[in-house]
Amino acid sequence: LSEIDDNAFAECTGLTGKLEVPGSVKRIGKEAFKFCRNLTRINIPVKKNVNDPNLNGCYIDTDAFMGCEYSVYVGNKPNF
C-alpha cells in the first residue's frame, strides 16, 4: 500500500479504535478519513526525522482527518 486516495474512507463509521498507517504509505489524500469519528488514535510511522515537513515522505493532504477526534502518534515505535 503506497497511497490512501482522496475520500477513501470518508464518513466510514465502521473504522473504530486505533489506526496504524503502514510505513509504505507515501500519501494520504484529501479528506481520506473525513468524519471517521470512531477513530481514537492514528499512528504514522516516521523513518528518520520527525521535523521533516512531509513526515519523511508521507505527504498528508488537505483535511485528510477533518472532523475526526483523535490523537496522533508520529514516531518510530507505536505507543499503543
PDB file of N, CA and C in Angstrom:
ATOM      1  N   LEU A   1       0.850  -1.174   0.000  1.00  0.00           N
ATOM      2  CA  LEU A   1       0.000   0.000   0.000  1.00  0.00           C
ATOM      3  C   LEU A   1       0.892   1.232   0.000  1.00  0.00           C
ATOM      4  N   SER A   2       0.778   2.049  -1.043  1.00  0.00           N
ATOM      5  CA  SER A   2       1.634   3.228  -1.113  1.00  0.00           C
ATOM      6  C   SER A   2       0.860   4.533  -1.025  1.00  0.00           C
ATOM      7  N   GLU A   3      -0.462   4.485  -1.203  1.00  0.00           N
ATOM      8  CA  GLU A   3      -1.257   5.706  -1.181  1.00  0.00           C
ATOM      9  C   GLU A   3      -2.667   5.411  -0.692  1.00  0.00           C
ATOM     10  N   ILE A   4      -3.190   6.307   0.123  1.00  0.00           N
ATOM     11  CA  ILE A   4      -4.601   6.254   0.519  1.00  0.00           C
ATOM     12  C   ILE A   4      -5.243   7.415  -0.215  1.00  0.00           C
ATOM     13  N   ASP A   5      -6.095   7.115  -1.166  1.00  0.00           N
ATOM     14  CA  ASP A   5      -6.618   8.106  -2.102  1.00  0.00           C
ATOM     15  C   ASP A   5      -7.593   9.084  -1.453  1.00  0.00           C
ATOM     16  N   ASP A   6      -7.890  10.167  -2.161  1.00  0.00           N
ATOM     17  CA  ASP A   6      -8.858  11.159  -1.706  1.00  0.00           C
ATOM     18  C   ASP A   6     -10.178  10.483  -1.353  1.00  0.00           C
ATOM     19  N   ASN A   7     -10.751  10.856  -0.217  1.00  0.00           N
ATOM     20  CA  ASN A   7     -12.059  10.361   0.232  1.00  0.00           C
ATOM     21  C   ASN A   7     -12.153   8.848   0.383  1.00  0.00           C
ATOM     22  N   ALA A   8     -11.037   8.169   0.480  1.00  0.00           N
ATOM     23  CA  ALA A   8     -11.026   6.704   0.517  1.00  0.00           C
ATOM     24  C   ALA A   8     -11.913   6.126   1.617  1.00  0.00           C
ATOM     25  N   PHE A   9     -11.866   6.702   2.795  1.00  0.00           N
ATOM     26  CA  PHE A   9     -12.656   6.199   3.920  1.00  0.00           C
ATOM     27  C   PHE A   9     -13.557   7.289   4.501  1.00  0.00           C
ATOM     28  N   ALA A  10     -13.852   8.306   3.731  1.00  0.00           N
ATOM     29  CA  ALA A  10     -14.649   9.432   4.218  1.00  0.00           C
ATOM     30  C   ALA A  10     -15.976   8.941   4.783  1.00  0.00           C
ATOM     31  N   GLU A  11     -16.288   9.427   5.980  1.00  0.00           N
ATOM     32  CA  GLU A  11     -17.544   9.136   6.672  1.00  0.00           C
ATOM     33  C   GLU A  11     -17.753   7.650   6.951  1.00  0.00           C
ATOM     34  N   CYS A  12     -16.688   6.919   7.079  1.00  0.00           N
ATOM     35  CA  CYS A  12     -16.762   5.485   7.371  1.00  0.00           C
ATOM     36  C   CYS A  12     -16.829   5.291   8.885  1.00  0.00           C
ATOM     37  N   THR A  13     -18.011   5.043   9.397  1.00  0.00           N
ATOM     38  CA  THR A  13     -18.182   4.868  10.840  1.00  0.00           C
ATOM     39  C   THR A  13     -17.719   3.491  11.297  1.00  0.00           C
ATOM     40  N   GLY A  14     -17.470   2.590  10.363  1.00  0.00           N
ATOM     41  CA  GLY A  14     -17.007   1.253  10.702  1.00  0.00           C
ATOM     42  C   GLY A  14     -15.548   1.205  11.137  1.00  0.00           C
ATOM     43  N   LEU A  15     -14.784   2.260  10.833  1.00  0.00           N
ATOM     44  CA  LEU A  15     -13.400   2.330  11.298  1.00  0.00           C
ATOM     45  C   LEU A  15     -13.433   2.784  12.751  1.00  0.00           C
ATOM     46  N   THR A  16     -12.977   1.919  13.641  1.00  0.00           N
ATOM     47  CA  THR A  16     -13.031   2.241  15.064  1.00  0.00           C
ATOM     48  C   THR A  16     -11.673   2.022  15.722  1.00  0.00           C
ATOM     49  N   GLY A  17     -11.467   2.684  16.840  1.00  0.00           N
ATOM     50  CA  GLY A  17     -10.269   2.458  17.638  1.00  0.00           C
ATOM     51  C   GLY A  17      -9.030   3.073  17.045  1.00  0.00           C
ATOM     52  N   LYS A  18      -7.980   2.277  16.967  1.00  0.00           N
ATOM     53  CA  LYS A  18      -6.657   2.747  16.574  1.00  0.00           C
ATOM     54  C   LYS A  18      -6.342   2.359  15.133  1.00  0.00           C
ATOM     55  N   LEU A  19      -5.753   3.287  14.406  1.00  0.00           N
ATOM     56  CA  LEU A  19      -5.378   3.061  13.015  1.00  0.00           C
ATOM     57  C   LEU A  19      -3.874   3.200  12.899  1.00  0.00           C
ATOM     58  N   GLU A  20      -3.225   2.203  12.324  1.00  0.00           N
ATOM     59  CA  GLU A  20      -1.796   2.301  12.067  1.00  0.00           C
ATOM     60  C   GLU A  20      -1.575   2.425  10.572  1.00  0.00           C
ATOM     61  N   VAL A  21      -1.017   3.547  10.160  1.00  0.00           N
ATOM     62  CA  VAL A  21      -0.715   3.788   8.754  1.00  0.00           C
ATOM     63  C   VAL A  21       0.596   3.073   8.450  1.00  0.00           C
ATOM     64  N   PRO A  22       0.611   2.168   7.463  1.00  0.00           N
ATOM     65  CA  PRO A  22       1.848   1.446   7.157  1.00  0.00           C
ATOM     66  C   PRO A  22       2.960   2.386   6.707  1.00  0.00           C
ATOM     67  N   GLY A  23       4.195   2.026   6.997  1.00  0.00           N
ATOM     68  CA  GLY A  23       5.350   2.817   6.602  1.00  0.00           C
ATOM     69  C   GLY A  23       5.510   2.957   5.103  1.00  0.00           C
ATOM     70  N   SER A  24       4.854   2.101   4.342  1.00  0.00           N
ATOM     71  CA  SER A  24       4.945   2.156   2.888  1.00  0.00           C
ATOM     72  C   SER A  24       4.096   3.273   2.283  1.00  0.00           C
ATOM     73  N   VAL A  25       3.183   3.856   3.052  1.00  0.00           N
ATOM     74  CA  VAL A  25       2.288   4.893   2.537  1.00  0.00           C
ATOM     75  C   VAL A  25       3.066   6.178   2.304  1.00  0.00           C
ATOM     76  N   LYS A  26       2.985   6.692   1.079  1.00  0.00           N
ATOM     77  CA  LYS A  26       3.690   7.912   0.700  1.00  0.00           C
ATOM     78  C   LYS A  26       2.757   9.120   0.651  1.00  0.00           C
ATOM     79  N   ARG A  27       1.444   8.877   0.604  1.00  0.00           N
ATOM     80  CA  ARG A  27       0.483   9.983   0.529  1.00  0.00           C
ATOM     81  C   ARG A  27      -0.840   9.564   1.143  1.00  0.00           C
ATOM     82  N   ILE A  28      -1.410  10.464   1.944  1.00  0.00           N
ATOM     83  CA  ILE A  28      -2.770  10.306   2.450  1.00  0.00           C
ATOM     84  C   ILE A  28      -3.561  11.426   1.804  1.00  0.00           C
ATOM     85  N   GLY A  29      -4.524  11.059   0.967  1.00  0.00           N
ATOM     86  CA  GLY A  29      -5.239  12.011   0.128  1.00  0.00           C
ATOM     87  C   GLY A  29      -6.195  12.929   0.846  1.00  0.00           C
ATOM     88  N   LYS A  30      -6.694  13.888   0.094  1.00  0.00           N
ATOM     89  CA  LYS A  30      -7.619  14.899   0.596  1.00  0.00           C
ATOM     90  C   LYS A  30      -8.866  14.235   1.184  1.00  0.00           C
ATOM     91  N   GLU A  31      -9.168  14.590   2.421  1.00  0.00           N
ATOM     92  CA  GLU A  31     -10.352  14.117   3.129  1.00  0.00           C
ATOM     93  C   GLU A  31     -10.445  12.588   3.175  1.00  0.00           C
ATOM     94  N   ALA A  32      -9.300  11.924   3.178  1.00  0.00           N
ATOM     95  CA  ALA A  32      -9.256  10.457   3.147  1.00  0.00           C
ATOM     96  C   ALA A  32     -10.012   9.817   4.311  1.00  0.00           C
ATOM     97  N   PHE A  33      -9.945  10.429   5.482  1.00  0.00           N
ATOM     98  CA  PHE A  33     -10.609   9.885   6.671  1.00  0.00           C
ATOM     99  C   PHE A  33     -11.612  10.885   7.251  1.00  0.00           C
ATOM    100  N   LYS A  34     -12.144  11.751   6.395  1.00  0.00           N
ATOM    101  CA  LYS A  34     -13.068  12.801   6.834  1.00  0.00           C
ATOM    102  C   LYS A  34     -14.253  12.221   7.607  1.00  0.00           C
ATOM    103  N   PHE A  35     -14.488  12.761   8.784  1.00  0.00           N
ATOM    104  CA  PHE A  35     -15.613  12.384   9.646  1.00  0.00           C
ATOM    105  C   PHE A  35     -15.615  10.911  10.045  1.00  0.00           C
ATOM    106  N   CYS A  36     -14.435  10.319  10.147  1.00  0.00           N
ATOM    107  CA  CYS A  36     -14.321   8.975  10.730  1.00  0.00           C
ATOM    108  C   CYS A  36     -14.256   9.165  12.242  1.00  0.00           C
ATOM    109  N   ARG A  37     -15.369   9.460  12.830  1.00  0.00           N
ATOM    110  CA  ARG A  37     -15.443   9.898  14.227  1.00  0.00           C
ATOM    111  C   ARG A  37     -15.139   8.795  15.238  1.00  0.00           C
ATOM    112  N   ASN A  38     -15.112   7.559  14.811  1.00  0.00           N
ATOM    113  CA  ASN A  38     -14.862   6.466  15.744  1.00  0.00           C
ATOM    114  C   ASN A  38     -13.396   6.083  15.856  1.00  0.00           C
ATOM    115  N   LEU A  39     -12.518   6.784  15.122  1.00  0.00           N
ATOM    116  CA  LEU A  39     -11.078   6.579  15.286  1.00  0.00           C
ATOM    117  C   LEU A  39     -10.625   7.326  16.527  1.00  0.00           C
ATOM    118  N   THR A  40      -9.861   6.673  17.376  1.00  0.00           N
ATOM    119  CA  THR A  40      -9.403   7.315  18.598  1.00  0.00           C
ATOM    120  C   THR A  40      -7.917   7.648  18.578  1.00  0.00           C
ATOM    121  N   ARG A  41      -7.177   6.952  17.731  1.00  0.00           N
ATOM    122  CA  ARG A  41      -5.736   7.180  17.669  1.00  0.00           C
ATOM    123  C   ARG A  41      -5.236   6.798  16.288  1.00  0.00           C
ATOM    124  N   ILE A  42      -4.290   7.588  15.779  1.00  0.00           N
ATOM    125  CA  ILE A  42      -3.708   7.315  14.474  1.00  0.00           C
ATOM    126  C   ILE A  42      -2.193   7.288  14.629  1.00  0.00           C
ATOM    127  N   ASN A  43      -1.569   6.193  14.224  1.00  0.00           N
ATOM    128  CA  ASN A  43      -0.124   6.049  14.287  1.00  0.00           C
ATOM    129  C   ASN A  43       0.442   6.224  12.884  1.00  0.00           C
ATOM    130  N   ILE A  44       1.338   7.199  12.748  1.00  0.00           N
ATOM    131  CA  ILE A  44       2.011   7.441  11.475  1.00  0.00           C
ATOM    132  C   ILE A  44       3.500   7.223  11.712  1.00  0.00           C
ATOM    133  N   PRO A  45       4.061   6.119  11.209  1.00  0.00           N
ATOM    134  CA  PRO A  45       5.472   5.843  11.441  1.00  0.00           C
ATOM    135  C   PRO A  45       6.369   6.813  10.682  1.00  0.00           C
ATOM    136  N   VAL A  46       7.457   7.190  11.311  1.00  0.00           N
ATOM    137  CA  VAL A  46       8.442   8.062  10.686  1.00  0.00           C
ATOM    138  C   VAL A  46       9.757   7.310  10.660  1.00  0.00           C
ATOM    139  N   LYS A  47      10.385   7.290   9.494  1.00  0.00           N
ATOM    140  CA  LYS A  47      11.603   6.502   9.355  1.00  0.00           C
ATOM    141  C   LYS A  47      12.841   7.211   9.873  1.00  0.00           C
ATOM    142  N   LYS A  48      12.829   8.552   9.884  1.00  0.00           N
ATOM    143  CA  LYS A  48      14.015   9.239  10.382  1.00  0.00           C
ATOM    144  C   LYS A  48      13.656  10.469  11.187  1.00  0.00           C
ATOM    145  N   ASN A  49      13.519  11.628  10.573  1.00  0.00           N
ATOM    146  CA  ASN A  49      13.414  12.887  11.299  1.00  0.00           C
ATOM    147  C   ASN A  49      11.978  13.370  11.422  1.00  0.00           C
ATOM    148  N   VAL A  50      11.489  13.509  12.638  1.00  0.00           N
ATOM    149  CA  VAL A  50      10.120  13.965  12.880  1.00  0.00           C
ATOM    150  C   VAL A  50       9.906  15.385  12.363  1.00  0.00           C
ATOM    151  N   ASN A  51      10.950  16.183  12.235  1.00  0.00           N
ATOM    152  CA  ASN A  51      10.818  17.560  11.774  1.00  0.00           C
ATOM    153  C   ASN A  51      10.645  17.692  10.264  1.00  0.00           C
ATOM    154  N   ASP A  52      10.726  16.613   9.540  1.00  0.00           N
ATOM    155  CA  ASP A  52      10.514  16.631   8.098  1.00  0.00           C
ATOM    156  C   ASP A  52       9.084  17.071   7.817  1.00  0.00           C
ATOM    157  N   PRO A  53       8.870  18.125   7.017  1.00  0.00           N
ATOM    158  CA  PRO A  53       7.513  18.626   6.792  1.00  0.00           C
ATOM    159  C   PRO A  53       6.587  17.630   6.105  1.00  0.00           C
ATOM    160  N   ASN A  54       7.125  16.685   5.383  1.00  0.00           N
ATOM    161  CA  ASN A  54       6.304  15.663   4.742  1.00  0.00           C
ATOM    162  C   ASN A  54       6.366  14.342   5.491  1.00  0.00           C
ATOM    163  N   LEU A  55       6.699  14.393   6.766  1.00  0.00           N
ATOM    164  CA  LEU A  55       6.797  13.189   7.585  1.00  0.00           C
ATOM    165  C   LEU A  55       7.645  12.129   6.920  1.00  0.00           C
ATOM    166  N   ASN A  56       8.805  12.567   6.425  1.00  0.00           N
ATOM    167  CA  ASN A  56       9.766  11.665   5.804  1.00  0.00           C
ATOM    168  C   ASN A  56       9.177  10.939   4.602  1.00  0.00           C
ATOM    169  N   GLY A  57       8.486  11.685   3.759  1.00  0.00           N
ATOM    170  CA  GLY A  57       7.965  11.096   2.537  1.00  0.00           C
ATOM    171  C   GLY A  57       6.497  10.751   2.577  1.00  0.00           C
ATOM    172  N   CYS A  58       5.827  10.834   3.718  1.00  0.00           N
ATOM    173  CA  CYS A  58       4.388  10.588   3.769  1.00  0.00           C
ATOM    174  C   CYS A  58       3.695  11.939   3.763  1.00  0.00           C
ATOM    175  N   TYR A  59       3.175  12.340   2.625  1.00  0.00           N
ATOM    176  CA  TYR A  59       2.512  13.628   2.489  1.00  0.00           C
ATOM    177  C   TYR A  59       1.053  13.483   2.913  1.00  0.00           C
ATOM    178  N   ILE A  60       0.601  14.338   3.826  1.00  0.00           N
ATOM    179  CA  ILE A  60      -0.782  14.309   4.282  1.00  0.00           C
ATOM    180  C   ILE A  60      -1.493  15.498   3.663  1.00  0.00           C
ATOM    181  N   ASP A  61      -2.460  15.221   2.792  1.00  0.00           N
ATOM    182  CA  ASP A  61      -3.151  16.247   2.019  1.00  0.00           C
ATOM    183  C   ASP A  61      -4.162  17.021   2.871  1.00  0.00           C
ATOM    184  N   THR A  62      -4.751  18.029   2.269  1.00  0.00           N
ATOM    185  CA  THR A  62      -5.694  18.929   2.918  1.00  0.00           C
ATOM    186  C   THR A  62      -6.845  18.194   3.590  1.00  0.00           C
ATOM    187  N   ASP A  63      -7.060  18.504   4.859  1.00  0.00           N
ATOM    188  CA  ASP A  63      -8.200  17.987   5.615  1.00  0.00           C
ATOM    189  C   ASP A  63      -8.316  16.465   5.590  1.00  0.00           C
ATOM    190  N   ALA A  64      -7.205  15.771   5.544  1.00  0.00           N
ATOM    191  CA  ALA A  64      -7.228  14.305   5.490  1.00  0.00           C
ATOM    192  C   ALA A  64      -8.006  13.703   6.655  1.00  0.00           C
ATOM    193  N   PHE A  65      -7.946  14.358   7.816  1.00  0.00           N
ATOM    194  CA  PHE A  65      -8.614  13.832   9.011  1.00  0.00           C
ATOM    195  C   PHE A  65      -9.663  14.809   9.533  1.00  0.00           C
ATOM    196  N   MET A  66     -10.273  15.589   8.654  1.00  0.00           N
ATOM    197  CA  MET A  66     -11.268  16.588   9.042  1.00  0.00           C
ATOM    198  C   MET A  66     -12.443  15.949   9.787  1.00  0.00           C
ATOM    199  N   GLY A  67     -12.820  16.557  10.888  1.00  0.00           N
ATOM    200  CA  GLY A  67     -13.975  16.093  11.639  1.00  0.00           C
ATOM    201  C   GLY A  67     -13.715  14.896  12.530  1.00  0.00           C
ATOM    202  N   CYS A  68     -12.471  14.459  12.620  1.00  0.00           N
ATOM    203  CA  CYS A  68     -12.125  13.335  13.485  1.00  0.00           C
ATOM    204  C   CYS A  68     -11.690  13.866  14.843  1.00  0.00           C
ATOM    205  N   GLU A  69     -12.000  13.138  15.882  1.00  0.00           N
ATOM    206  CA  GLU A  69     -11.494  13.461  17.208  1.00  0.00           C
ATOM    207  C   GLU A  69     -10.552  12.334  17.589  1.00  0.00           C
ATOM    208  N   TYR A  70      -9.272  12.606  17.536  1.00  0.00           N
ATOM    209  CA  TYR A  70      -8.272  11.564  17.712  1.00  0.00           C
ATOM    210  C   TYR A  70      -6.991  12.182  18.225  1.00  0.00           C
ATOM    211  N   SER A  71      -6.078  11.338  18.640  1.00  0.00           N
ATOM    212  CA  SER A  71      -4.722  11.780  18.918  1.00  0.00           C
ATOM    213  C   SER A  71      -3.817  11.112  17.900  1.00  0.00           C
ATOM    214  N   VAL A  72      -2.757  11.798  17.527  1.00  0.00           N
ATOM    215  CA  VAL A  72      -1.832  11.284  16.524  1.00  0.00           C
ATOM    216  C   VAL A  72      -0.498  10.991  17.181  1.00  0.00           C
ATOM    217  N   TYR A  73       0.034   9.819  16.901  1.00  0.00           N
ATOM    218  CA  TYR A  73       1.376   9.456  17.348  1.00  0.00           C
ATOM    219  C   TYR A  73       2.244   9.398  16.114  1.00  0.00           C
ATOM    220  N   VAL A  74       3.285  10.201  16.092  1.00  0.00           N
ATOM    221  CA  VAL A  74       4.224  10.198  14.974  1.00  0.00           C
ATOM    222  C   VAL A  74       5.568   9.771  15.531  1.00  0.00           C
ATOM    223  N   GLY A  75       6.081   8.664  15.050  1.00  0.00           N
ATOM    224  CA  GLY A  75       7.361   8.193  15.533  1.00  0.00           C
ATOM    225  C   GLY A  75       7.712   6.826  15.009  1.00  0.00           C
ATOM    226  N   ASN A  76       8.813   6.298  15.481  1.00  0.00           N
ATOM    227  CA  ASN A  76       9.302   5.009  15.010  1.00  0.00           C
ATOM    228  C   ASN A  76       8.629   3.831  15.667  1.00  0.00           C
ATOM    229  N   LYS A  77       8.158   4.003  16.901  1.00  0.00           N
ATOM    230  CA  LYS A  77       7.596   2.877  17.631  1.00  0.00           C
ATOM    231  C   LYS A  77       6.183   3.204  18.066  1.00  0.00           C
ATOM    232  N   PRO A  78       5.195   2.410  17.658  1.00  0.00           N
ATOM    233  CA  PRO A  78       3.822   2.666  18.108  1.00  0.00           C
ATOM    234  C   PRO A  78       3.738   2.591  19.628  1.00  0.00           C
ATOM    235  N   ASN A  79       3.045   3.496  20.201  1.00  0.00           N
ATOM    236  CA  ASN A  79       2.877   3.517  21.644  1.00  0.00           C
ATOM    237  C   ASN A  79       1.404   3.307  21.972  1.00  0.00           C
ATOM    238  N   PHE A  80       0.959   2.108  21.757  1.00  0.00           N
ATOM    239  CA  PHE A  80      -0.456   1.824  21.962  1.00  0.00           C
ATOM    240  C   PHE A  80      -0.626   1.285  23.341  1.00  0.00           C
TER     241      PHE A  80
END
